[in-house]
Amino acid sequence: MKYIGGKWKAVILIHLIEKKRYNELRKELSMVTERTISLQLKQLEADGLIKRTVYTTKPPLKVEYELTEFGKTLIPLLKGIAQWGKETAKSNKRIKTE
């Protein structure tokens, strides 16, 4: 839980199953503040789960994030959690409407 605990780490990791630019990630996580995303990305990088690549081409600066090999070991777990969440949401919706 040290690696994926917290409110947003697992969500960020699910979005990074495919390599993303920082701005793409921000758009997909519009409900999360920029500061929170930035802090979580730094923690995930420090823990070795994601890799940050900076391309120093002409402006604008391009930054991409992707899972490391270690981070990729979480993919089955992340997909399982996402599936469980979808099923739980469907179940709760049925309970509320019955």
PDB file of N, CA and C in Angstrom:
ATOM      1  N   MET A   1       0.818  -1.196   0.000  1.00  0.00           N
ATOM      2  CA  MET A   1       0.000   0.000   0.000  1.00  0.00           C
ATOM      3  C   MET A   1       0.863   1.263   0.000  1.00  0.00           C
ATOM      4  N   LYS A   2       2.114   1.137   0.424  1.00  0.00           N
ATOM      5  CA  LYS A   2       3.006   2.297   0.403  1.00  0.00           C
ATOM      6  C   LYS A   2       3.097   2.885  -0.998  1.00  0.00           C
ATOM      7  N   TYR A   3       3.102   2.045  -2.007  1.00  0.00           N
ATOM      8  CA  TYR A   3       3.282   2.507  -3.371  1.00  0.00           C
ATOM      9  C   TYR A   3       2.011   3.079  -3.998  1.00  0.00           C
ATOM     10  N   ILE A   4       0.859   2.495  -3.700  1.00  0.00           N
ATOM     11  CA  ILE A   4      -0.367   2.922  -4.384  1.00  0.00           C
ATOM     12  C   ILE A   4      -1.421   3.483  -3.445  1.00  0.00           C
ATOM     13  N   GLY A   5      -1.099   3.588  -2.154  1.00  0.00           N
ATOM     14  CA  GLY A   5      -2.058   4.117  -1.195  1.00  0.00           C
ATOM     15  C   GLY A   5      -2.334   5.588  -1.443  1.00  0.00           C
ATOM     16  N   GLY A   6      -3.440   6.044  -0.945  1.00  0.00           N
ATOM     17  CA  GLY A   6      -3.821   7.435  -1.142  1.00  0.00           C
ATOM     18  C   GLY A   6      -4.962   7.542  -2.132  1.00  0.00           C
ATOM     19  N   LYS A   7      -5.476   8.725  -2.229  1.00  0.00           N
ATOM     20  CA  LYS A   7      -6.683   8.935  -3.026  1.00  0.00           C
ATOM     21  C   LYS A   7      -6.458   8.880  -4.530  1.00  0.00           C
ATOM     22  N   TRP A   8      -5.300   9.324  -5.020  1.00  0.00           N
ATOM     23  CA  TRP A   8      -5.139   9.506  -6.460  1.00  0.00           C
ATOM     24  C   TRP A   8      -4.066   8.649  -7.116  1.00  0.00           C
ATOM     25  N   LYS A   9      -3.210   8.002  -6.364  1.00  0.00           N
ATOM     26  CA  LYS A   9      -2.109   7.266  -6.985  1.00  0.00           C
ATOM     27  C   LYS A   9      -2.591   6.165  -7.927  1.00  0.00           C
ATOM     28  N   ALA A  10      -3.530   5.354  -7.479  1.00  0.00           N
ATOM     29  CA  ALA A  10      -4.025   4.267  -8.335  1.00  0.00           C
ATOM     30  C   ALA A  10      -4.701   4.826  -9.576  1.00  0.00           C
ATOM     31  N   VAL A  11      -5.433   5.911  -9.425  1.00  0.00           N
ATOM     32  CA  VAL A  11      -6.104   6.538 -10.570  1.00  0.00           C
ATOM     33  C   VAL A  11      -5.072   7.025 -11.582  1.00  0.00           C
ATOM     34  N   ILE A  12      -4.043   7.680 -11.104  1.00  0.00           N
ATOM     35  CA  ILE A  12      -2.977   8.164 -11.990  1.00  0.00           C
ATOM     36  C   ILE A  12      -2.300   6.984 -12.685  1.00  0.00           C
ATOM     37  N   LEU A  13      -2.008   5.940 -11.949  1.00  0.00           N
ATOM     38  CA  LEU A  13      -1.353   4.770 -12.537  1.00  0.00           C
ATOM     39  C   LEU A  13      -2.210   4.127 -13.618  1.00  0.00           C
ATOM     40  N   ILE A  14      -3.517   4.040 -13.397  1.00  0.00           N
ATOM     41  CA  ILE A  14      -4.410   3.475 -14.417  1.00  0.00           C
ATOM     42  C   ILE A  14      -4.321   4.306 -15.691  1.00  0.00           C
ATOM     43  N   HIS A  15      -4.307   5.619 -15.556  1.00  0.00           N
ATOM     44  CA  HIS A  15      -4.218   6.485 -16.728  1.00  0.00           C
ATOM     45  C   HIS A  15      -2.863   6.374 -17.418  1.00  0.00           C
ATOM     46  N   LEU A  16      -1.844   5.957 -16.688  1.00  0.00           N
ATOM     47  CA  LEU A  16      -0.507   5.846 -17.270  1.00  0.00           C
ATOM     48  C   LEU A  16      -0.184   4.447 -17.798  1.00  0.00           C
ATOM     49  N   ILE A  17      -1.194   3.596 -17.897  1.00  0.00           N
ATOM     50  CA  ILE A  17      -0.964   2.298 -18.546  1.00  0.00           C
ATOM     51  C   ILE A  17      -0.471   2.560 -19.967  1.00  0.00           C
ATOM     52  N   GLU A  18      -0.973   3.640 -20.558  1.00  0.00           N
ATOM     53  CA  GLU A  18      -0.445   4.105 -21.832  1.00  0.00           C
ATOM     54  C   GLU A  18       0.329   5.397 -21.576  1.00  0.00           C
ATOM     55  N   LYS A  19       1.451   5.563 -22.239  1.00  0.00           N
ATOM     56  CA  LYS A  19       2.290   6.755 -22.072  1.00  0.00           C
ATOM     57  C   LYS A  19       1.460   8.003 -22.334  1.00  0.00           C
ATOM     58  N   LYS A  20       1.635   9.016 -21.475  1.00  0.00           N
ATOM     59  CA  LYS A  20       0.873  10.255 -21.612  1.00  0.00           C
ATOM     60  C   LYS A  20       1.765  11.469 -21.403  1.00  0.00           C
ATOM     61  N   ARG A  21       1.421  12.537 -22.100  1.00  0.00           N
ATOM     62  CA  ARG A  21       2.034  13.827 -21.827  1.00  0.00           C
ATOM     63  C   ARG A  21       1.360  14.404 -20.592  1.00  0.00           C
ATOM     64  N   TYR A  22       2.057  15.295 -19.917  1.00  0.00           N
ATOM     65  CA  TYR A  22       1.528  15.876 -18.682  1.00  0.00           C
ATOM     66  C   TYR A  22       0.168  16.531 -18.909  1.00  0.00           C
ATOM     67  N   ASN A  23       0.034  17.313 -19.969  1.00  0.00           N
ATOM     68  CA  ASN A  23      -1.236  17.999 -20.224  1.00  0.00           C
ATOM     69  C   ASN A  23      -2.376  17.038 -20.527  1.00  0.00           C
ATOM     70  N   GLU A  24      -2.100  15.922 -21.186  1.00  0.00           N
ATOM     71  CA  GLU A  24      -3.122  14.905 -21.424  1.00  0.00           C
ATOM     72  C   GLU A  24      -3.630  14.344 -20.093  1.00  0.00           C
ATOM     73  N   LEU A  25      -2.687  14.064 -19.217  1.00  0.00           N
ATOM     74  CA  LEU A  25      -3.030  13.528 -17.900  1.00  0.00           C
ATOM     75  C   LEU A  25      -3.882  14.525 -17.114  1.00  0.00           C
ATOM     76  N   ARG A  26      -3.495  15.786 -17.148  1.00  0.00           N
ATOM     77  CA  ARG A  26      -4.260  16.835 -16.445  1.00  0.00           C
ATOM     78  C   ARG A  26      -5.686  16.920 -16.956  1.00  0.00           C
ATOM     79  N   LYS A  27      -5.878  16.823 -18.275  1.00  0.00           N
ATOM     80  CA  LYS A  27      -7.227  16.876 -18.853  1.00  0.00           C
ATOM     81  C   LYS A  27      -8.059  15.687 -18.401  1.00  0.00           C
ATOM     82  N   GLU A  28      -7.451  14.514 -18.364  1.00  0.00           N
ATOM     83  CA  GLU A  28      -8.166  13.302 -17.957  1.00  0.00           C
ATOM     84  C   GLU A  28      -8.495  13.313 -16.464  1.00  0.00           C
ATOM     85  N   LEU A  29      -7.702  14.029 -15.685  1.00  0.00           N
ATOM     86  CA  LEU A  29      -7.903  14.103 -14.239  1.00  0.00           C
ATOM     87  C   LEU A  29      -8.335  15.510 -13.833  1.00  0.00           C
ATOM     88  N   SER A  30      -9.288  16.052 -14.543  1.00  0.00           N
ATOM     89  CA  SER A  30      -9.703  17.437 -14.322  1.00  0.00           C
ATOM     90  C   SER A  30     -10.263  17.685 -12.925  1.00  0.00           C
ATOM     91  N   MET A  31     -10.690  16.632 -12.250  1.00  0.00           N
ATOM     92  CA  MET A  31     -11.230  16.789 -10.895  1.00  0.00           C
ATOM     93  C   MET A  31     -10.143  16.878  -9.829  1.00  0.00           C
ATOM     94  N   VAL A  32      -8.892  16.698 -10.236  1.00  0.00           N
ATOM     95  CA  VAL A  32      -7.755  16.726  -9.318  1.00  0.00           C
ATOM     96  C   VAL A  32      -6.977  18.018  -9.552  1.00  0.00           C
ATOM     97  N   THR A  33      -6.544  18.657  -8.476  1.00  0.00           N
ATOM     98  CA  THR A  33      -5.788  19.902  -8.636  1.00  0.00           C
ATOM     99  C   THR A  33      -4.428  19.623  -9.270  1.00  0.00           C
ATOM    100  N   GLU A  34      -3.904  20.621  -9.940  1.00  0.00           N
ATOM    101  CA  GLU A  34      -2.597  20.498 -10.592  1.00  0.00           C
ATOM    102  C   GLU A  34      -1.513  20.197  -9.567  1.00  0.00           C
ATOM    103  N   ARG A  35      -1.592  20.819  -8.417  1.00  0.00           N
ATOM    104  CA  ARG A  35      -0.607  20.597  -7.348  1.00  0.00           C
ATOM    105  C   ARG A  35      -0.624  19.141  -6.881  1.00  0.00           C
ATOM    106  N   THR A  36      -1.823  18.596  -6.708  1.00  0.00           N
ATOM    107  CA  THR A  36      -1.953  17.203  -6.264  1.00  0.00           C
ATOM    108  C   THR A  36      -1.384  16.253  -7.305  1.00  0.00           C
ATOM    109  N   ILE A  37      -1.710  16.491  -8.574  1.00  0.00           N
ATOM    110  CA  ILE A  37      -1.176  15.634  -9.641  1.00  0.00           C
ATOM    111  C   ILE A  37       0.346  15.681  -9.620  1.00  0.00           C
ATOM    112  N   SER A  38       0.882  16.876  -9.527  1.00  0.00           N
ATOM    113  CA  SER A  38       2.337  17.055  -9.528  1.00  0.00           C
ATOM    114  C   SER A  38       2.994  16.327  -8.359  1.00  0.00           C
ATOM    115  N   LEU A  39       2.437  16.474  -7.168  1.00  0.00           N
ATOM    116  CA  LEU A  39       2.994  15.799  -5.987  1.00  0.00           C
ATOM    117  C   LEU A  39       2.911  14.282  -6.112  1.00  0.00           C
ATOM    118  N   GLN A  40       1.780  13.776  -6.575  1.00  0.00           N
ATOM    119  CA  GLN A  40       1.612  12.335  -6.721  1.00  0.00           C
ATOM    120  C   GLN A  40       2.580  11.781  -7.770  1.00  0.00           C
ATOM    121  N   LEU A  41       2.751  12.513  -8.883  1.00  0.00           N
ATOM    122  CA  LEU A  41       3.693  12.067  -9.908  1.00  0.00           C
ATOM    123  C   LEU A  41       5.111  12.001  -9.358  1.00  0.00           C
ATOM    124  N   LYS A  42       5.503  12.989  -8.567  1.00  0.00           N
ATOM    125  CA  LYS A  42       6.839  12.988  -7.970  1.00  0.00           C
ATOM    126  C   LYS A  42       7.027  11.801  -7.038  1.00  0.00           C
ATOM    127  N   GLN A  43       6.000  11.488  -6.246  1.00  0.00           N
ATOM    128  CA  GLN A  43       6.088  10.342  -5.328  1.00  0.00           C
ATOM    129  C   GLN A  43       6.159   9.032  -6.103  1.00  0.00           C
ATOM    130  N   LEU A  44       5.335   8.903  -7.141  1.00  0.00           N
ATOM    131  CA  LEU A  44       5.338   7.682  -7.941  1.00  0.00           C
ATOM    132  C   LEU A  44       6.683   7.495  -8.656  1.00  0.00           C
ATOM    133  N   GLU A  45       7.276   8.605  -9.097  1.00  0.00           N
ATOM    134  CA  GLU A  45       8.586   8.530  -9.734  1.00  0.00           C
ATOM    135  C   GLU A  45       9.655   8.145  -8.711  1.00  0.00           C
ATOM    136  N   ALA A  46       9.607   8.741  -7.523  1.00  0.00           N
ATOM    137  CA  ALA A  46      10.575   8.421  -6.469  1.00  0.00           C
ATOM    138  C   ALA A  46      10.473   6.957  -6.044  1.00  0.00           C
ATOM    139  N   ASP A  47       9.272   6.396  -6.103  1.00  0.00           N
ATOM    140  CA  ASP A  47       9.062   4.989  -5.739  1.00  0.00           C
ATOM    141  C   ASP A  47       9.401   4.031  -6.879  1.00  0.00           C
ATOM    142  N   GLY A  48       9.753   4.574  -8.039  1.00  0.00           N
ATOM    143  CA  GLY A  48      10.163   3.727  -9.157  1.00  0.00           C
ATOM    144  C   GLY A  48       9.027   3.145  -9.965  1.00  0.00           C
ATOM    145  N   LEU A  49       7.814   3.677  -9.815  1.00  0.00           N
ATOM    146  CA  LEU A  49       6.668   3.141 -10.555  1.00  0.00           C
ATOM    147  C   LEU A  49       6.461   3.812 -11.905  1.00  0.00           C
ATOM    148  N   ILE A  50       6.882   5.060 -12.021  1.00  0.00           N
ATOM    149  CA  ILE A  50       6.745   5.763 -13.292  1.00  0.00           C
ATOM    150  C   ILE A  50       8.074   6.394 -13.684  1.00  0.00           C
ATOM    151  N   LYS A  51       8.167   6.680 -14.967  1.00  0.00           N
ATOM    152  CA  LYS A  51       9.356   7.333 -15.507  1.00  0.00           C
ATOM    153  C   LYS A  51       8.916   8.637 -16.156  1.00  0.00           C
ATOM    154  N   ARG A  52       9.644   9.696 -15.888  1.00  0.00           N
ATOM    155  CA  ARG A  52       9.385  11.017 -16.452  1.00  0.00           C
ATOM    156  C   ARG A  52      10.460  11.300 -17.492  1.00  0.00           C
ATOM    157  N   THR A  53      10.021  11.628 -18.700  1.00  0.00           N
ATOM    158  CA  THR A  53      10.950  11.946 -19.764  1.00  0.00           C
ATOM    159  C   THR A  53      10.699  13.376 -20.215  1.00  0.00           C
ATOM    160  N   VAL A  54      11.750  14.183 -20.216  1.00  0.00           N
ATOM    161  CA  VAL A  54      11.656  15.580 -20.641  1.00  0.00           C
ATOM    162  C   VAL A  54      12.343  15.703 -21.992  1.00  0.00           C
ATOM    163  N   TYR A  55      11.604  16.242 -22.959  1.00  0.00           N
ATOM    164  CA  TYR A  55      12.155  16.498 -24.284  1.00  0.00           C
ATOM    165  C   TYR A  55      12.426  17.997 -24.377  1.00  0.00           C
ATOM    166  N   THR A  56      13.687  18.349 -24.530  1.00  0.00           N
ATOM    167  CA  THR A  56      14.062  19.760 -24.535  1.00  0.00           C
ATOM    168  C   THR A  56      14.160  20.289 -25.960  1.00  0.00           C
ATOM    169  N   THR A  57      13.095  20.069 -26.708  1.00  0.00           N
ATOM    170  CA  THR A  57      13.026  20.621 -28.051  1.00  0.00           C
ATOM    171  C   THR A  57      12.648  22.087 -27.938  1.00  0.00           C
ATOM    172  N   LYS A  58      12.468  22.728 -29.048  1.00  0.00           N
ATOM    173  CA  LYS A  58      12.048  24.126 -29.009  1.00  0.00           C
ATOM    174  C   LYS A  58      10.768  24.232 -28.193  1.00  0.00           C
ATOM    175  N   PRO A  59      10.534  25.372 -27.556  1.00  0.00           N
ATOM    176  CA  PRO A  59       9.314  25.517 -26.754  1.00  0.00           C
ATOM    177  C   PRO A  59       8.083  25.173 -27.572  1.00  0.00           C
ATOM    178  N   PRO A  60       7.066  24.597 -27.001  1.00  0.00           N
ATOM    179  CA  PRO A  60       6.932  24.302 -25.574  1.00  0.00           C
ATOM    180  C   PRO A  60       7.667  23.023 -25.173  1.00  0.00           C
ATOM    181  N   LEU A  61       8.078  22.985 -23.927  1.00  0.00           N
ATOM    182  CA  LEU A  61       8.750  21.835 -23.345  1.00  0.00           C
ATOM    183  C   LEU A  61       7.787  20.655 -23.333  1.00  0.00           C
ATOM    184  N   LYS A  62       8.264  19.494 -23.679  1.00  0.00           N
ATOM    185  CA  LYS A  62       7.407  18.305 -23.722  1.00  0.00           C
ATOM    186  C   LYS A  62       7.841  17.352 -22.612  1.00  0.00           C
ATOM    187  N   VAL A  63       6.890  16.955 -21.754  1.00  0.00           N
ATOM    188  CA  VAL A  63       7.153  16.020 -20.659  1.00  0.00           C
ATOM    189  C   VAL A  63       6.182  14.858 -20.794  1.00  0.00           C
ATOM    190  N   GLU A  64       6.708  13.645 -20.779  1.00  0.00           N
ATOM    191  CA  GLU A  64       5.876  12.448 -20.854  1.00  0.00           C
ATOM    192  C   GLU A  64       6.099  11.580 -19.623  1.00  0.00           C
ATOM    193  N   TYR A  65       5.045  10.879 -19.243  1.00  0.00           N
ATOM    194  CA  TYR A  65       5.095   9.944 -18.121  1.00  0.00           C
ATOM    195  C   TYR A  65       4.661   8.579 -18.618  1.00  0.00           C
ATOM    196  N   GLU A  66       5.320   7.551 -18.095  1.00  0.00           N
ATOM    197  CA  GLU A  66       4.946   6.179 -18.424  1.00  0.00           C
ATOM    198  C   GLU A  66       5.336   5.267 -17.267  1.00  0.00           C
ATOM    199  N   LEU A  67       4.726   4.099 -17.244  1.00  0.00           N
ATOM    200  CA  LEU A  67       5.048   3.122 -16.209  1.00  0.00           C
ATOM    201  C   LEU A  67       6.431   2.545 -16.461  1.00  0.00           C
ATOM    202  N   THR A  68       7.170   2.315 -15.404  1.00  0.00           N
ATOM    203  CA  THR A  68       8.437   1.587 -15.499  1.00  0.00           C
ATOM    204  C   THR A  68       8.117   0.099 -15.578  1.00  0.00           C
ATOM    205  N   GLU A  69       9.133  -0.712 -15.748  1.00  0.00           N
ATOM    206  CA  GLU A  69       8.907  -2.166 -15.737  1.00  0.00           C
ATOM    207  C   GLU A  69       8.306  -2.591 -14.401  1.00  0.00           C
ATOM    208  N   PHE A  70       8.798  -2.007 -13.319  1.00  0.00           N
ATOM    209  CA  PHE A  70       8.251  -2.282 -11.991  1.00  0.00           C
ATOM    210  C   PHE A  70       6.789  -1.835 -11.912  1.00  0.00           C
ATOM    211  N   GLY A  71       6.499  -0.659 -12.443  1.00  0.00           N
ATOM    212  CA  GLY A  71       5.135  -0.150 -12.456  1.00  0.00           C
ATOM    213  C   GLY A  71       4.196  -1.021 -13.270  1.00  0.00           C
ATOM    214  N   LYS A  72       4.712  -1.591 -14.357  1.00  0.00           N
ATOM    215  CA  LYS A  72       3.881  -2.455 -15.219  1.00  0.00           C
ATOM    216  C   LYS A  72       3.434  -3.722 -14.504  1.00  0.00           C
ATOM    217  N   THR A  73       4.142  -4.109 -13.458  1.00  0.00           N
ATOM    218  CA  THR A  73       3.713  -5.300 -12.703  1.00  0.00           C
ATOM    219  C   THR A  73       2.385  -5.053 -11.994  1.00  0.00           C
ATOM    220  N   LEU A  74       1.994  -3.777 -11.863  1.00  0.00           N
ATOM    221  CA  LEU A  74       0.724  -3.429 -11.219  1.00  0.00           C
ATOM    222  C   LEU A  74      -0.472  -3.462 -12.170  1.00  0.00           C
ATOM    223  N   ILE A  75      -0.234  -3.565 -13.477  1.00  0.00           N
ATOM    224  CA  ILE A  75      -1.335  -3.474 -14.438  1.00  0.00           C
ATOM    225  C   ILE A  75      -2.463  -4.461 -14.145  1.00  0.00           C
ATOM    226  N   PRO A  76      -2.196  -5.750 -13.920  1.00  0.00           N
ATOM    227  CA  PRO A  76      -3.320  -6.662 -13.628  1.00  0.00           C
ATOM    228  C   PRO A  76      -4.109  -6.240 -12.385  1.00  0.00           C
ATOM    229  N   LEU A  77      -3.401  -5.796 -11.372  1.00  0.00           N
ATOM    230  CA  LEU A  77      -4.053  -5.337 -10.149  1.00  0.00           C
ATOM    231  C   LEU A  77      -4.906  -4.098 -10.420  1.00  0.00           C
ATOM    232  N   LEU A  78      -4.367  -3.131 -11.146  1.00  0.00           N
ATOM    233  CA  LEU A  78      -5.087  -1.898 -11.455  1.00  0.00           C
ATOM    234  C   LEU A  78      -6.331  -2.174 -12.288  1.00  0.00           C
ATOM    235  N   LYS A  79      -6.196  -3.064 -13.271  1.00  0.00           N
ATOM    236  CA  LYS A  79      -7.362  -3.418 -14.098  1.00  0.00           C
ATOM    237  C   LYS A  79      -8.415  -4.133 -13.265  1.00  0.00           C
ATOM    238  N   GLY A  80      -7.974  -4.972 -12.337  1.00  0.00           N
ATOM    239  CA  GLY A  80      -8.910  -5.656 -11.443  1.00  0.00           C
ATOM    240  C   GLY A  80      -9.663  -4.681 -10.546  1.00  0.00           C
ATOM    241  N   ILE A  81      -8.960  -3.706 -10.006  1.00  0.00           N
ATOM    242  CA  ILE A  81      -9.592  -2.696  -9.159  1.00  0.00           C
ATOM    243  C   ILE A  81     -10.598  -1.886  -9.974  1.00  0.00           C
ATOM    244  N   ALA A  82     -10.207  -1.519 -11.210  1.00  0.00           N
ATOM    245  CA  ALA A  82     -11.110  -0.748 -12.071  1.00  0.00           C
ATOM    246  C   ALA A  82     -12.373  -1.551 -12.377  1.00  0.00           C
ATOM    247  N   GLN A  83     -12.224  -2.832 -12.677  1.00  0.00           N
ATOM    248  CA  GLN A  83     -13.382  -3.689 -12.968  1.00  0.00           C
ATOM    249  C   GLN A  83     -14.276  -3.823 -11.739  1.00  0.00           C
ATOM    250  N   TRP A  84     -13.661  -4.024 -10.581  1.00  0.00           N
ATOM    251  CA  TRP A  84     -14.424  -4.115  -9.336  1.00  0.00           C
ATOM    252  C   TRP A  84     -15.221  -2.822  -9.106  1.00  0.00           C
ATOM    253  N   GLY A  85     -14.602  -1.683  -9.358  1.00  0.00           N
ATOM    254  CA  GLY A  85     -15.269  -0.399  -9.188  1.00  0.00           C
ATOM    255  C   GLY A  85     -16.471  -0.259 -10.107  1.00  0.00           C
ATOM    256  N   LYS A  86     -16.328  -0.677 -11.361  1.00  0.00           N
ATOM    257  CA  LYS A  86     -17.444  -0.609 -12.319  1.00  0.00           C
ATOM    258  C   LYS A  86     -18.592  -1.497 -11.865  1.00  0.00           C
ATOM    259  N   GLU A  87     -18.273  -2.712 -11.433  1.00  0.00           N
ATOM    260  CA  GLU A  87     -19.311  -3.644 -10.981  1.00  0.00           C
ATOM    261  C   GLU A  87     -19.991  -3.143  -9.712  1.00  0.00           C
ATOM    262  N   THR A  88     -19.215  -2.586  -8.815  1.00  0.00           N
ATOM    263  CA  THR A  88     -19.771  -2.041  -7.578  1.00  0.00           C
ATOM    264  C   THR A  88     -20.689  -0.868  -7.871  1.00  0.00           C
ATOM    265  N   ALA A  89     -20.270   0.008  -8.785  1.00  0.00           N
ATOM    266  CA  ALA A  89     -21.101   1.160  -9.158  1.00  0.00           C
ATOM    267  C   ALA A  89     -22.424   0.694  -9.752  1.00  0.00           C
ATOM    268  N   LYS A  90     -22.385  -0.329 -10.599  1.00  0.00           N
ATOM    269  CA  LYS A  90     -23.623  -0.864 -11.187  1.00  0.00           C
ATOM    270  C   LYS A  90     -24.520  -1.443 -10.104  1.00  0.00           C
ATOM    271  N   SER A  91     -23.930  -2.201  -9.181  1.00  0.00           N
ATOM    272  CA  SER A  91     -24.694  -2.805  -8.098  1.00  0.00           C
ATOM    273  C   SER A  91     -25.341  -1.742  -7.214  1.00  0.00           C
ATOM    274  N   ASN A  92     -24.591  -0.720  -6.845  1.00  0.00           N
ATOM    275  CA  ASN A  92     -25.123   0.348  -6.004  1.00  0.00           C
ATOM    276  C   ASN A  92     -26.219   1.115  -6.713  1.00  0.00           C
ATOM    277  N   LYS A  93     -26.097   1.288  -8.021  1.00  0.00           N
ATOM    278  CA  LYS A  93     -27.123   1.989  -8.784  1.00  0.00           C
ATOM    279  C   LYS A  93     -28.420   1.179  -8.740  1.00  0.00           C
ATOM    280  N   ARG A  94     -28.330  -0.121  -8.912  1.00  0.00           N
ATOM    281  CA  ARG A  94     -29.527  -0.969  -8.861  1.00  0.00           C
ATOM    282  C   ARG A  94     -30.163  -0.946  -7.479  1.00  0.00           C
ATOM    283  N   ILE A  95     -29.353  -0.944  -6.447  1.00  0.00           N
ATOM    284  CA  ILE A  95     -29.879  -0.941  -5.082  1.00  0.00           C
ATOM    285  C   ILE A  95     -30.634   0.360  -4.814  1.00  0.00           C
ATOM    286  N   LYS A  96     -30.115   1.474  -5.268  1.00  0.00           N
ATOM    287  CA  LYS A  96     -30.739   2.761  -5.026  1.00  0.00           C
ATOM    288  C   LYS A  96     -32.051   2.918  -5.785  1.00  0.00           C
ATOM    289  N   THR A  97     -32.167   2.302  -6.961  1.00  0.00           N
ATOM    290  CA  THR A  97     -33.362   2.476  -7.759  1.00  0.00           C
ATOM    291  C   THR A  97     -34.438   1.462  -7.443  1.00  0.00           C
ATOM    292  N   GLU A  98     -34.130   0.399  -6.721  1.00  0.00           N
ATOM    293  CA  GLU A  98     -35.130  -0.633  -6.410  1.00  0.00           C
ATOM    294  C   GLU A  98     -35.984  -0.259  -5.235  1.00  0.00           C
TER     295      GLU A  98
END
